[in-house]
Amino acid sequence: MERSKIGCVLMICLVMGILVGDSAGQSIETFKQCYAICFITCVLTPGNGMSTSTCATKCIIDCLIPHPSDSLKLKAPQYFCKLGCATSLCTNFSSKKEPAKEKVGGCVSSCSKTCTKH
């Protein structure tokens, strides 16, 4: 019971951070906020049975391409490159106690730079 209360408080704080933050465009800060909320929700959801790496992969996908139908029409090769890079290199930083949004965000950002060069 105590764990779910802490999870709810964290969720409210993170959602408020997103609402107050920059909403124009998909920046790395927006990604980090999205990832932190998604990861905490995934890990704390009772009975979902997902491992931390599965939650990390799910959240990278959900936060990297928030509206697949819109994004993929315009930049499919870049998004798929970024998604492949991020899911293979950036999912091992998070733990149940720490989503490591800064490390994951930095890793995803480096994937972005790599994919725009090619």
PDB file of N, CA and C in Angstrom:
ATOM      1  N   MET A   1       0.820  -1.190   0.000  1.00  0.00           N
ATOM      2  CA  MET A   1       0.000   0.000   0.000  1.00  0.00           C
ATOM      3  C   MET A   1       0.868   1.260   0.000  1.00  0.00           C
ATOM      4  N   GLU A   2       1.912   1.238   0.821  1.00  0.00           N
ATOM      5  CA  GLU A   2       2.828   2.384   0.895  1.00  0.00           C
ATOM      6  C   GLU A   2       3.503   2.633  -0.453  1.00  0.00           C
ATOM      7  N   ARG A   3       3.873   1.551  -1.127  1.00  0.00           N
ATOM      8  CA  ARG A   3       4.540   1.657  -2.435  1.00  0.00           C
ATOM      9  C   ARG A   3       3.625   2.315  -3.464  1.00  0.00           C
ATOM     10  N   SER A   4       2.350   1.963  -3.452  1.00  0.00           N
ATOM     11  CA  SER A   4       1.429   2.551  -4.430  1.00  0.00           C
ATOM     12  C   SER A   4       1.195   4.035  -4.153  1.00  0.00           C
ATOM     13  N   LYS A   5       1.202   4.438  -2.889  1.00  0.00           N
ATOM     14  CA  LYS A   5       1.058   5.860  -2.553  1.00  0.00           C
ATOM     15  C   LYS A   5       2.252   6.655  -3.059  1.00  0.00           C
ATOM     16  N   ILE A   6       3.440   6.116  -2.871  1.00  0.00           N
ATOM     17  CA  ILE A   6       4.655   6.788  -3.342  1.00  0.00           C
ATOM     18  C   ILE A   6       4.630   6.876  -4.860  1.00  0.00           C
ATOM     19  N   GLY A   7       4.220   5.794  -5.509  1.00  0.00           N
ATOM     20  CA  GLY A   7       4.111   5.786  -6.969  1.00  0.00           C
ATOM     21  C   GLY A   7       3.143   6.832  -7.467  1.00  0.00           C
ATOM     22  N   CYS A   8       2.008   6.975  -6.798  1.00  0.00           N
ATOM     23  CA  CYS A   8       1.014   7.982  -7.197  1.00  0.00           C
ATOM     24  C   CYS A   8       1.560   9.396  -7.044  1.00  0.00           C
ATOM     25  N   VAL A   9       2.257   9.649  -5.942  1.00  0.00           N
ATOM     26  CA  VAL A   9       2.840  10.975  -5.715  1.00  0.00           C
ATOM     27  C   VAL A   9       3.887  11.282  -6.782  1.00  0.00           C
ATOM     28  N   LEU A  10       4.740  10.310  -7.077  1.00  0.00           N
ATOM     29  CA  LEU A  10       5.745  10.508  -8.125  1.00  0.00           C
ATOM     30  C   LEU A  10       5.093  10.769  -9.473  1.00  0.00           C
ATOM     31  N   MET A  11       4.055  10.031  -9.770  1.00  0.00           N
ATOM     32  CA  MET A  11       3.354  10.187 -11.043  1.00  0.00           C
ATOM     33  C   MET A  11       2.761  11.593 -11.164  1.00  0.00           C
ATOM     34  N   ILE A  12       2.124  12.074 -10.113  1.00  0.00           N
ATOM     35  CA  ILE A  12       1.526  13.406 -10.145  1.00  0.00           C
ATOM     36  C   ILE A  12       2.601  14.466 -10.362  1.00  0.00           C
ATOM     37  N   CYS A  13       3.722  14.329  -9.649  1.00  0.00           N
ATOM     38  CA  CYS A  13       4.817  15.298  -9.808  1.00  0.00           C
ATOM     39  C   CYS A  13       5.361  15.293 -11.236  1.00  0.00           C
ATOM     40  N   LEU A  14       5.540  14.115 -11.795  1.00  0.00           N
ATOM     41  CA  LEU A  14       6.079  14.026 -13.147  1.00  0.00           C
ATOM     42  C   LEU A  14       5.104  14.554 -14.193  1.00  0.00           C
ATOM     43  N   VAL A  15       3.825  14.276 -14.012  1.00  0.00           N
ATOM     44  CA  VAL A  15       2.823  14.796 -14.951  1.00  0.00           C
ATOM     45  C   VAL A  15       2.775  16.318 -14.876  1.00  0.00           C
ATOM     46  N   MET A  16       2.842  16.864 -13.689  1.00  0.00           N
ATOM     47  CA  MET A  16       2.855  18.323 -13.547  1.00  0.00           C
ATOM     48  C   MET A  16       4.087  18.912 -14.227  1.00  0.00           C
ATOM     49  N   GLY A  17       5.206  18.237 -14.110  1.00  0.00           N
ATOM     50  CA  GLY A  17       6.423  18.703 -14.780  1.00  0.00           C
ATOM     51  C   GLY A  17       6.266  18.758 -16.279  1.00  0.00           C
ATOM     52  N   ILE A  18       5.584  17.782 -16.840  1.00  0.00           N
ATOM     53  CA  ILE A  18       5.353  17.779 -18.287  1.00  0.00           C
ATOM     54  C   ILE A  18       4.400  18.899 -18.682  1.00  0.00           C
ATOM     55  N   LEU A  19       3.355  19.099 -17.893  1.00  0.00           N
ATOM     56  CA  LEU A  19       2.384  20.140 -18.226  1.00  0.00           C
ATOM     57  C   LEU A  19       3.005  21.531 -18.174  1.00  0.00           C
ATOM     58  N   VAL A  20       3.927  21.736 -17.248  1.00  0.00           N
ATOM     59  CA  VAL A  20       4.584  23.029 -17.117  1.00  0.00           C
ATOM     60  C   VAL A  20       5.687  23.192 -18.152  1.00  0.00           C
ATOM     61  N   GLY A  21       6.292  22.086 -18.574  1.00  0.00           N
ATOM     62  CA  GLY A  21       7.421  22.111 -19.513  1.00  0.00           C
ATOM     63  C   GLY A  21       7.030  22.523 -20.916  1.00  0.00           C
ATOM     64  N   ASP A  22       8.016  22.540 -21.781  1.00  0.00           N
ATOM     65  CA  ASP A  22       7.853  22.917 -23.183  1.00  0.00           C
ATOM     66  C   ASP A  22       7.015  21.886 -23.918  1.00  0.00           C
ATOM     67  N   SER A  23       5.954  22.334 -24.570  1.00  0.00           N
ATOM     68  CA  SER A  23       5.104  21.393 -25.294  1.00  0.00           C
ATOM     69  C   SER A  23       5.273  21.504 -26.801  1.00  0.00           C
ATOM     70  N   ALA A  24       6.120  22.394 -27.276  1.00  0.00           N
ATOM     71  CA  ALA A  24       6.304  22.580 -28.720  1.00  0.00           C
ATOM     72  C   ALA A  24       7.406  21.665 -29.226  1.00  0.00           C
ATOM     73  N   GLY A  25       7.042  20.711 -30.067  1.00  0.00           N
ATOM     74  CA  GLY A  25       8.033  19.841 -30.683  1.00  0.00           C
ATOM     75  C   GLY A  25       8.507  18.739 -29.769  1.00  0.00           C
ATOM     76  N   GLN A  26       9.246  17.802 -30.334  1.00  0.00           N
ATOM     77  CA  GLN A  26       9.782  16.666 -29.594  1.00  0.00           C
ATOM     78  C   GLN A  26      11.242  16.956 -29.271  1.00  0.00           C
ATOM     79  N   SER A  27      11.507  17.550 -28.120  1.00  0.00           N
ATOM     80  CA  SER A  27      12.875  17.825 -27.707  1.00  0.00           C
ATOM     81  C   SER A  27      13.380  16.683 -26.834  1.00  0.00           C
ATOM     82  N   ILE A  28      14.650  16.688 -26.546  1.00  0.00           N
ATOM     83  CA  ILE A  28      15.221  15.652 -25.692  1.00  0.00           C
ATOM     84  C   ILE A  28      14.664  15.776 -24.272  1.00  0.00           C
ATOM     85  N   GLU A  29      14.375  16.997 -23.821  1.00  0.00           N
ATOM     86  CA  GLU A  29      13.778  17.184 -22.492  1.00  0.00           C
ATOM     87  C   GLU A  29      12.391  16.574 -22.438  1.00  0.00           C
ATOM     88  N   THR A  30      11.618  16.759 -23.497  1.00  0.00           N
ATOM     89  CA  THR A  30      10.286  16.166 -23.570  1.00  0.00           C
ATOM     90  C   THR A  30      10.396  14.652 -23.547  1.00  0.00           C
ATOM     91  N   PHE A  31      11.351  14.118 -24.281  1.00  0.00           N
ATOM     92  CA  PHE A  31      11.571  12.673 -24.276  1.00  0.00           C
ATOM     93  C   PHE A  31      11.890  12.183 -22.869  1.00  0.00           C
ATOM     94  N   LYS A  32      12.807  12.862 -22.177  1.00  0.00           N
ATOM     95  CA  LYS A  32      13.219  12.431 -20.843  1.00  0.00           C
ATOM     96  C   LYS A  32      12.044  12.427 -19.868  1.00  0.00           C
ATOM     97  N   GLN A  33      11.207  13.458 -19.937  1.00  0.00           N
ATOM     98  CA  GLN A  33      10.037  13.526 -19.057  1.00  0.00           C
ATOM     99  C   GLN A  33       9.057  12.401 -19.387  1.00  0.00           C
ATOM    100  N   CYS A  34       8.798  12.206 -20.658  1.00  0.00           N
ATOM    101  CA  CYS A  34       7.904  11.134 -21.091  1.00  0.00           C
ATOM    102  C   CYS A  34       8.437   9.783 -20.632  1.00  0.00           C
ATOM    103  N   TYR A  35       9.724   9.556 -20.832  1.00  0.00           N
ATOM    104  CA  TYR A  35      10.340   8.280 -20.472  1.00  0.00           C
ATOM    105  C   TYR A  35      10.236   8.017 -18.972  1.00  0.00           C
ATOM    106  N   ALA A  36      10.539   9.030 -18.166  1.00  0.00           N
ATOM    107  CA  ALA A  36      10.492   8.852 -16.706  1.00  0.00           C
ATOM    108  C   ALA A  36       9.088   8.473 -16.249  1.00  0.00           C
ATOM    109  N   ILE A  37       8.082   9.161 -16.748  1.00  0.00           N
ATOM    110  CA  ILE A  37       6.699   8.858 -16.360  1.00  0.00           C
ATOM    111  C   ILE A  37       6.299   7.467 -16.829  1.00  0.00           C
ATOM    112  N   CYS A  38       6.585   7.176 -18.063  1.00  0.00           N
ATOM    113  CA  CYS A  38       6.234   5.875 -18.633  1.00  0.00           C
ATOM    114  C   CYS A  38       6.916   4.739 -17.867  1.00  0.00           C
ATOM    115  N   PHE A  39       8.209   4.882 -17.603  1.00  0.00           N
ATOM    116  CA  PHE A  39       8.972   3.826 -16.943  1.00  0.00           C
ATOM    117  C   PHE A  39       8.463   3.584 -15.527  1.00  0.00           C
ATOM    118  N   ILE A  40       8.260   4.654 -14.771  1.00  0.00           N
ATOM    119  CA  ILE A  40       7.769   4.517 -13.394  1.00  0.00           C
ATOM    120  C   ILE A  40       6.394   3.866 -13.389  1.00  0.00           C
ATOM    121  N   THR A  41       5.528   4.299 -14.299  1.00  0.00           N
ATOM    122  CA  THR A  41       4.195   3.706 -14.389  1.00  0.00           C
ATOM    123  C   THR A  41       4.277   2.228 -14.726  1.00  0.00           C
ATOM    124  N   CYS A  42       5.104   1.886 -15.675  1.00  0.00           N
ATOM    125  CA  CYS A  42       5.250   0.492 -16.106  1.00  0.00           C
ATOM    126  C   CYS A  42       5.766  -0.387 -14.969  1.00  0.00           C
ATOM    127  N   VAL A  43       6.794   0.075 -14.288  1.00  0.00           N
ATOM    128  CA  VAL A  43       7.411  -0.721 -13.227  1.00  0.00           C
ATOM    129  C   VAL A  43       6.487  -0.861 -12.018  1.00  0.00           C
ATOM    130  N   LEU A  44       5.737   0.212 -11.708  1.00  0.00           N
ATOM    131  CA  LEU A  44       4.891   0.190 -10.517  1.00  0.00           C
ATOM    132  C   LEU A  44       3.494  -0.383 -10.750  1.00  0.00           C
ATOM    133  N   THR A  45       3.138  -0.670 -11.996  1.00  0.00           N
ATOM    134  CA  THR A  45       1.818  -1.225 -12.266  1.00  0.00           C
ATOM    135  C   THR A  45       1.763  -2.658 -11.745  1.00  0.00           C
ATOM    136  N   PRO A  46       0.883  -2.893 -10.766  1.00  0.00           N
ATOM    137  CA  PRO A  46       0.811  -4.242 -10.205  1.00  0.00           C
ATOM    138  C   PRO A  46       0.313  -5.249 -11.243  1.00  0.00           C
ATOM    139  N   GLY A  47       0.960  -6.382 -11.267  1.00  0.00           N
ATOM    140  CA  GLY A  47       0.512  -7.486 -12.097  1.00  0.00           C
ATOM    141  C   GLY A  47       0.862  -7.420 -13.567  1.00  0.00           C
ATOM    142  N   ASN A  48       1.622  -6.414 -14.024  1.00  0.00           N
ATOM    143  CA  ASN A  48       1.939  -6.386 -15.451  1.00  0.00           C
ATOM    144  C   ASN A  48       3.057  -7.360 -15.804  1.00  0.00           C
ATOM    145  N   GLY A  49       3.865  -7.750 -14.834  1.00  0.00           N
ATOM    146  CA  GLY A  49       4.873  -8.780 -15.048  1.00  0.00           C
ATOM    147  C   GLY A  49       6.018  -8.402 -15.969  1.00  0.00           C
ATOM    148  N   MET A  50       6.137  -7.127 -16.321  1.00  0.00           N
ATOM    149  CA  MET A  50       7.213  -6.711 -17.223  1.00  0.00           C
ATOM    150  C   MET A  50       8.511  -6.509 -16.448  1.00  0.00           C
ATOM    151  N   SER A  51       9.608  -6.914 -17.047  1.00  0.00           N
ATOM    152  CA  SER A  51      10.924  -6.674 -16.457  1.00  0.00           C
ATOM    153  C   SER A  51      11.304  -5.212 -16.703  1.00  0.00           C
ATOM    154  N   THR A  52      12.359  -4.757 -16.031  1.00  0.00           N
ATOM    155  CA  THR A  52      12.793  -3.368 -16.227  1.00  0.00           C
ATOM    156  C   THR A  52      13.243  -3.138 -17.660  1.00  0.00           C
ATOM    157  N   SER A  53      13.889  -4.130 -18.271  1.00  0.00           N
ATOM    158  CA  SER A  53      14.332  -3.934 -19.656  1.00  0.00           C
ATOM    159  C   SER A  53      13.144  -3.896 -20.616  1.00  0.00           C
ATOM    160  N   THR A  54      12.101  -4.675 -20.342  1.00  0.00           N
ATOM    161  CA  THR A  54      10.902  -4.640 -21.177  1.00  0.00           C
ATOM    162  C   THR A  54      10.195  -3.298 -21.028  1.00  0.00           C
ATOM    163  N   CYS A  55      10.114  -2.790 -19.792  1.00  0.00           N
ATOM    164  CA  CYS A  55       9.515  -1.471 -19.560  1.00  0.00           C
ATOM    165  C   CYS A  55      10.341  -0.388 -20.259  1.00  0.00           C
ATOM    166  N   ALA A  56      11.661  -0.500 -20.178  1.00  0.00           N
ATOM    167  CA  ALA A  56      12.530   0.488 -20.822  1.00  0.00           C
ATOM    168  C   ALA A  56      12.313   0.494 -22.332  1.00  0.00           C
ATOM    169  N   THR A  57      12.254  -0.677 -22.929  1.00  0.00           N
ATOM    170  CA  THR A  57      12.035  -0.766 -24.378  1.00  0.00           C
ATOM    171  C   THR A  57      10.678  -0.199 -24.760  1.00  0.00           C
ATOM    172  N   LYS A  58       9.633  -0.584 -24.026  1.00  0.00           N
ATOM    173  CA  LYS A  58       8.288  -0.088 -24.292  1.00  0.00           C
ATOM    174  C   LYS A  58       8.251   1.439 -24.215  1.00  0.00           C
ATOM    175  N   CYS A  59       8.887   1.988 -23.196  1.00  0.00           N
ATOM    176  CA  CYS A  59       8.830   3.437 -22.984  1.00  0.00           C
ATOM    177  C   CYS A  59       9.676   4.205 -23.997  1.00  0.00           C
ATOM    178  N   ILE A  60      10.795   3.646 -24.411  1.00  0.00           N
ATOM    179  CA  ILE A  60      11.579   4.292 -25.465  1.00  0.00           C
ATOM    180  C   ILE A  60      10.745   4.366 -26.740  1.00  0.00           C
ATOM    181  N   ILE A  61      10.091   3.265 -27.070  1.00  0.00           N
ATOM    182  CA  ILE A  61       9.249   3.252 -28.271  1.00  0.00           C
ATOM    183  C   ILE A  61       8.107   4.250 -28.135  1.00  0.00           C
ATOM    184  N   ASP A  62       7.398   4.218 -27.003  1.00  0.00           N
ATOM    185  CA  ASP A  62       6.243   5.103 -26.805  1.00  0.00           C
ATOM    186  C   ASP A  62       6.633   6.580 -26.816  1.00  0.00           C
ATOM    187  N   CYS A  63       7.798   6.901 -26.263  1.00  0.00           N
ATOM    188  CA  CYS A  63       8.188   8.304 -26.140  1.00  0.00           C
ATOM    189  C   CYS A  63       8.973   8.828 -27.342  1.00  0.00           C
ATOM    190  N   LEU A  64       9.614   7.945 -28.071  1.00  0.00           N
ATOM    191  CA  LEU A  64      10.363   8.360 -29.251  1.00  0.00           C
ATOM    192  C   LEU A  64       9.426   8.666 -30.413  1.00  0.00           C
ATOM    193  N   ILE A  65       8.416   7.865 -30.557  1.00  0.00           N
ATOM    194  CA  ILE A  65       7.455   8.048 -31.653  1.00  0.00           C
ATOM    195  C   ILE A  65       6.063   8.152 -31.033  1.00  0.00           C
ATOM    196  N   PRO A  66       5.725   9.327 -30.442  1.00  0.00           N
ATOM    197  CA  PRO A  66       4.459   9.462 -29.734  1.00  0.00           C
ATOM    198  C   PRO A  66       3.223   9.336 -30.629  1.00  0.00           C
ATOM    199  N   HIS A  67       3.315   9.743 -31.863  1.00  0.00           N
ATOM    200  CA  HIS A  67       2.195   9.664 -32.807  1.00  0.00           C
ATOM    201  C   HIS A  67       2.705   9.016 -34.086  1.00  0.00           C
ATOM    202  N   PRO A  68       2.812   7.685 -34.094  1.00  0.00           N
ATOM    203  CA  PRO A  68       3.448   6.993 -35.222  1.00  0.00           C
ATOM    204  C   PRO A  68       2.874   7.342 -36.590  1.00  0.00           C
ATOM    205  N   SER A  69       1.594   7.498 -36.699  1.00  0.00           N
ATOM    206  CA  SER A  69       1.017   7.747 -38.018  1.00  0.00           C
ATOM    207  C   SER A  69       1.488   9.077 -38.596  1.00  0.00           C
ATOM    208  N   ASP A  70       1.671  10.098 -37.749  1.00  0.00           N
ATOM    209  CA  ASP A  70       2.142  11.404 -38.212  1.00  0.00           C
ATOM    210  C   ASP A  70       3.642  11.392 -38.486  1.00  0.00           C
ATOM    211  N   SER A  71       4.417  10.906 -37.542  1.00  0.00           N
ATOM    212  CA  SER A  71       5.872  10.971 -37.614  1.00  0.00           C
ATOM    213  C   SER A  71       6.446  10.082 -38.707  1.00  0.00           C
ATOM    214  N   LEU A  72       5.934   8.874 -38.819  1.00  0.00           N
ATOM    215  CA  LEU A  72       6.536   7.916 -39.734  1.00  0.00           C
ATOM    216  C   LEU A  72       6.296   8.257 -41.197  1.00  0.00           C
ATOM    217  N   LYS A  73       5.269   9.012 -41.494  1.00  0.00           N
ATOM    218  CA  LYS A  73       5.009   9.399 -42.880  1.00  0.00           C
ATOM    219  C   LYS A  73       6.131  10.273 -43.420  1.00  0.00           C
ATOM    220  N   LEU A  74       6.676  11.131 -42.560  1.00  0.00           N
ATOM    221  CA  LEU A  74       7.653  12.111 -43.018  1.00  0.00           C
ATOM    222  C   LEU A  74       9.099  11.634 -42.936  1.00  0.00           C
ATOM    223  N   LYS A  75       9.462  10.963 -41.861  1.00  0.00           N
ATOM    224  CA  LYS A  75      10.872  10.659 -41.619  1.00  0.00           C
ATOM    225  C   LYS A  75      11.079   9.202 -41.232  1.00  0.00           C
ATOM    226  N   ALA A  76      10.456   8.289 -41.904  1.00  0.00           N
ATOM    227  CA  ALA A  76      10.516   6.878 -41.515  1.00  0.00           C
ATOM    228  C   ALA A  76      11.941   6.347 -41.351  1.00  0.00           C
ATOM    229  N   PRO A  77      12.857   6.539 -42.300  1.00  0.00           N
ATOM    230  CA  PRO A  77      14.201   5.975 -42.119  1.00  0.00           C
ATOM    231  C   PRO A  77      14.912   6.510 -40.875  1.00  0.00           C
ATOM    232  N   GLN A  78      14.798   7.807 -40.626  1.00  0.00           N
ATOM    233  CA  GLN A  78      15.449   8.399 -39.458  1.00  0.00           C
ATOM    234  C   GLN A  78      14.837   7.860 -38.166  1.00  0.00           C
ATOM    235  N   TYR A  79      13.514   7.767 -38.097  1.00  0.00           N
ATOM    236  CA  TYR A  79      12.869   7.265 -36.886  1.00  0.00           C
ATOM    237  C   TYR A  79      13.205   5.802 -36.647  1.00  0.00           C
ATOM    238  N   PHE A  80      13.222   4.996 -37.694  1.00  0.00           N
ATOM    239  CA  PHE A  80      13.550   3.591 -37.505  1.00  0.00           C
ATOM    240  C   PHE A  80      15.009   3.413 -37.102  1.00  0.00           C
ATOM    241  N   CYS A  81      15.898   4.217 -37.637  1.00  0.00           N
ATOM    242  CA  CYS A  81      17.305   4.176 -37.239  1.00  0.00           C
ATOM    243  C   CYS A  81      17.424   4.539 -35.759  1.00  0.00           C
ATOM    244  N   LYS A  82      16.784   5.638 -35.369  1.00  0.00           N
ATOM    245  CA  LYS A  82      16.828   6.111 -33.993  1.00  0.00           C
ATOM    246  C   LYS A  82      16.207   5.080 -33.046  1.00  0.00           C
ATOM    247  N   LEU A  83      15.090   4.504 -33.445  1.00  0.00           N
ATOM    248  CA  LEU A  83      14.412   3.508 -32.626  1.00  0.00           C
ATOM    249  C   LEU A  83      15.275   2.262 -32.445  1.00  0.00           C
ATOM    250  N   GLY A  84      15.874   1.784 -33.524  1.00  0.00           N
ATOM    251  CA  GLY A  84      16.744   0.609 -33.440  1.00  0.00           C
ATOM    252  C   GLY A  84      17.954   0.862 -32.565  1.00  0.00           C
ATOM    253  N   CYS A  85      18.580   1.989 -32.758  1.00  0.00           N
ATOM    254  CA  CYS A  85      19.748   2.363 -31.958  1.00  0.00           C
ATOM    255  C   CYS A  85      19.368   2.469 -30.478  1.00  0.00           C
ATOM    256  N   ALA A  86      18.291   3.195 -30.196  1.00  0.00           N
ATOM    257  CA  ALA A  86      17.878   3.434 -28.804  1.00  0.00           C
ATOM    258  C   ALA A  86      17.455   2.155 -28.092  1.00  0.00           C
ATOM    259  N   THR A  87      16.706   1.297 -28.776  1.00  0.00           N
ATOM    260  CA  THR A  87      16.266   0.072 -28.101  1.00  0.00           C
ATOM    261  C   THR A  87      17.402  -0.923 -27.898  1.00  0.00           C
ATOM    262  N   SER A  88      18.421  -0.837 -28.726  1.00  0.00           N
ATOM    263  CA  SER A  88      19.537  -1.769 -28.529  1.00  0.00           C
ATOM    264  C   SER A  88      20.593  -1.232 -27.574  1.00  0.00           C
ATOM    265  N   LEU A  89      20.771   0.082 -27.493  1.00  0.00           N
ATOM    266  CA  LEU A  89      21.851   0.640 -26.675  1.00  0.00           C
ATOM    267  C   LEU A  89      21.408   1.337 -25.388  1.00  0.00           C
ATOM    268  N   CYS A  90      20.146   1.740 -25.289  1.00  0.00           N
ATOM    269  CA  CYS A  90      19.739   2.632 -24.199  1.00  0.00           C
ATOM    270  C   CYS A  90      18.831   2.008 -23.150  1.00  0.00           C
ATOM    271  N   THR A  91      18.524   0.732 -23.240  1.00  0.00           N
ATOM    272  CA  THR A  91      17.563   0.127 -22.315  1.00  0.00           C
ATOM    273  C   THR A  91      18.183  -0.425 -21.038  1.00  0.00           C
ATOM    274  N   ASN A  92      19.483  -0.449 -20.941  1.00  0.00           N
ATOM    275  CA  ASN A  92      20.123  -1.080 -19.783  1.00  0.00           C
ATOM    276  C   ASN A  92      20.466  -0.104 -18.659  1.00  0.00           C
ATOM    277  N   PHE A  93      20.112   1.159 -18.763  1.00  0.00           N
ATOM    278  CA  PHE A  93      20.461   2.137 -17.731  1.00  0.00           C
ATOM    279  C   PHE A  93      19.448   2.199 -16.591  1.00  0.00           C
ATOM    280  N   SER A  94      18.208   1.840 -16.847  1.00  0.00           N
ATOM    281  CA  SER A  94      17.126   1.998 -15.877  1.00  0.00           C
ATOM    282  C   SER A  94      17.027   0.806 -14.935  1.00  0.00           C
ATOM    283  N   SER A  95      16.625   1.123 -13.691  1.00  0.00           N
ATOM    284  CA  SER A  95      16.357   0.072 -12.707  1.00  0.00           C
ATOM    285  C   SER A  95      15.005   0.382 -12.063  1.00  0.00           C
ATOM    286  N   LYS A  96      14.507  -0.538 -11.272  1.00  0.00           N
ATOM    287  CA  LYS A  96      13.211  -0.314 -10.623  1.00  0.00           C
ATOM    288  C   LYS A  96      13.234   0.916  -9.723  1.00  0.00           C
ATOM    289  N   LYS A  97      14.379   1.231  -9.161  1.00  0.00           N
ATOM    290  CA  LYS A  97      14.480   2.370  -8.254  1.00  0.00           C
ATOM    291  C   LYS A  97      14.833   3.673  -8.960  1.00  0.00           C
ATOM    292  N   GLU A  98      15.378   3.580 -10.177  1.00  0.00           N
ATOM    293  CA  GLU A  98      15.850   4.779 -10.880  1.00  0.00           C
ATOM    294  C   GLU A  98      15.646   4.639 -12.379  1.00  0.00           C
ATOM    295  N   PRO A  99      14.752   5.471 -12.961  1.00  0.00           N
ATOM    296  CA  PRO A  99      14.558   5.388 -14.404  1.00  0.00           C
ATOM    297  C   PRO A  99      15.761   5.880 -15.210  1.00  0.00           C
ATOM    298  N   ALA A 100      16.669   6.621 -14.583  1.00  0.00           N
ATOM    299  CA  ALA A 100      17.880   7.127 -15.234  1.00  0.00           C
ATOM    300  C   ALA A 100      17.564   7.908 -16.503  1.00  0.00           C
ATOM    301  N   LYS A 101      16.599   8.813 -16.393  1.00  0.00           N
ATOM    302  CA  LYS A 101      16.145   9.558 -17.568  1.00  0.00           C
ATOM    303  C   LYS A 101      17.259  10.378 -18.208  1.00  0.00           C
ATOM    304  N   GLU A 102      18.211  10.863 -17.428  1.00  0.00           N
ATOM    305  CA  GLU A 102      19.317  11.643 -18.001  1.00  0.00           C
ATOM    306  C   GLU A 102      20.211  10.759 -18.865  1.00  0.00           C
ATOM    307  N   LYS A 103      20.569   9.577 -18.355  1.00  0.00           N
ATOM    308  CA  LYS A 103      21.416   8.661 -19.121  1.00  0.00           C
ATOM    309  C   LYS A 103      20.694   8.164 -20.368  1.00  0.00           C
ATOM    310  N   VAL A 104      19.431   7.783 -20.205  1.00  0.00           N
ATOM    311  CA  VAL A 104      18.664   7.291 -21.347  1.00  0.00           C
ATOM    312  C   VAL A 104      18.485   8.415 -22.365  1.00  0.00           C
ATOM    313  N   GLY A 105      18.180   9.615 -21.887  1.00  0.00           N
ATOM    314  CA  GLY A 105      18.025  10.764 -22.787  1.00  0.00           C
ATOM    315  C   GLY A 105      19.302  11.073 -23.549  1.00  0.00           C
ATOM    316  N   GLY A 106      20.437  11.023 -22.865  1.00  0.00           N
ATOM    317  CA  GLY A 106      21.723  11.257 -23.528  1.00  0.00           C
ATOM    318  C   GLY A 106      22.026  10.190 -24.571  1.00  0.00           C
ATOM    319  N   CYS A 107      21.699   8.965 -24.242  1.00  0.00           N
ATOM    320  CA  CYS A 107      21.918   7.857 -25.177  1.00  0.00           C
ATOM    321  C   CYS A 107      21.032   8.025 -26.411  1.00  0.00           C
ATOM    322  N   VAL A 108      19.753   8.351 -26.197  1.00  0.00           N
ATOM    323  CA  VAL A 108      18.819   8.548 -27.312  1.00  0.00           C
ATOM    324  C   VAL A 108      19.264   9.740 -28.164  1.00  0.00           C
ATOM    325  N   SER A 109      19.753  10.780 -27.510  1.00  0.00           N
ATOM    326  CA  SER A 109      20.248  11.947 -28.236  1.00  0.00           C
ATOM    327  C   SER A 109      21.438  11.580 -29.128  1.00  0.00           C
ATOM    328  N   SER A 110      22.334  10.747 -28.618  1.00  0.00           N
ATOM    329  CA  SER A 110      23.476  10.342 -29.440  1.00  0.00           C
ATOM    330  C   SER A 110      23.015   9.468 -30.605  1.00  0.00           C
ATOM    331  N   CYS A 111      21.963   8.680 -30.394  1.00  0.00           N
ATOM    332  CA  CYS A 111      21.394   7.904 -31.496  1.00  0.00           C
ATOM    333  C   CYS A 111      20.827   8.835 -32.559  1.00  0.00           C
ATOM    334  N   SER A 112      20.184   9.901 -32.106  1.00  0.00           N
ATOM    335  CA  SER A 112      19.632  10.891 -33.045  1.00  0.00           C
ATOM    336  C   SER A 112      20.722  11.476 -33.919  1.00  0.00           C
ATOM    337  N   LYS A 113      21.810  11.851 -33.284  1.00  0.00           N
ATOM    338  CA  LYS A 113      22.927  12.448 -34.034  1.00  0.00           C
ATOM    339  C   LYS A 113      23.524  11.452 -35.010  1.00  0.00           C
ATOM    340  N   THR A 114      23.678  10.211 -34.578  1.00  0.00           N
ATOM    341  CA  THR A 114      24.209   9.168 -35.451  1.00  0.00           C
ATOM    342  C   THR A 114      23.299   8.954 -36.663  1.00  0.00           C
ATOM    343  N   CYS A 115      22.001   8.908 -36.419  1.00  0.00           N
ATOM    344  CA  CYS A 115      21.059   8.604 -37.496  1.00  0.00           C
ATOM    345  C   CYS A 115      20.877   9.760 -38.476  1.00  0.00           C
ATOM    346  N   THR A 116      21.086  10.994 -38.046  1.00  0.00           N
ATOM    347  CA  THR A 116      20.960  12.117 -38.979  1.00  0.00           C
ATOM    348  C   THR A 116      22.197  12.247 -39.869  1.00  0.00           C
ATOM    349  N   LYS A 117      23.321  11.677 -39.452  1.00  0.00           N
ATOM    350  CA  LYS A 117      24.534  11.712 -40.263  1.00  0.00           C
ATOM    351  C   LYS A 117      24.450  10.761 -41.439  1.00  0.00           C
ATOM    352  N   HIS A 118      23.662   9.689 -41.304  1.00  0.00           N
ATOM    353  CA  HIS A 118      23.630   8.644 -42.342  1.00  0.00           C
ATOM    354  C   HIS A 118      22.419   8.735 -43.206  1.00  0.00           C
TER     355      HIS A 118
END
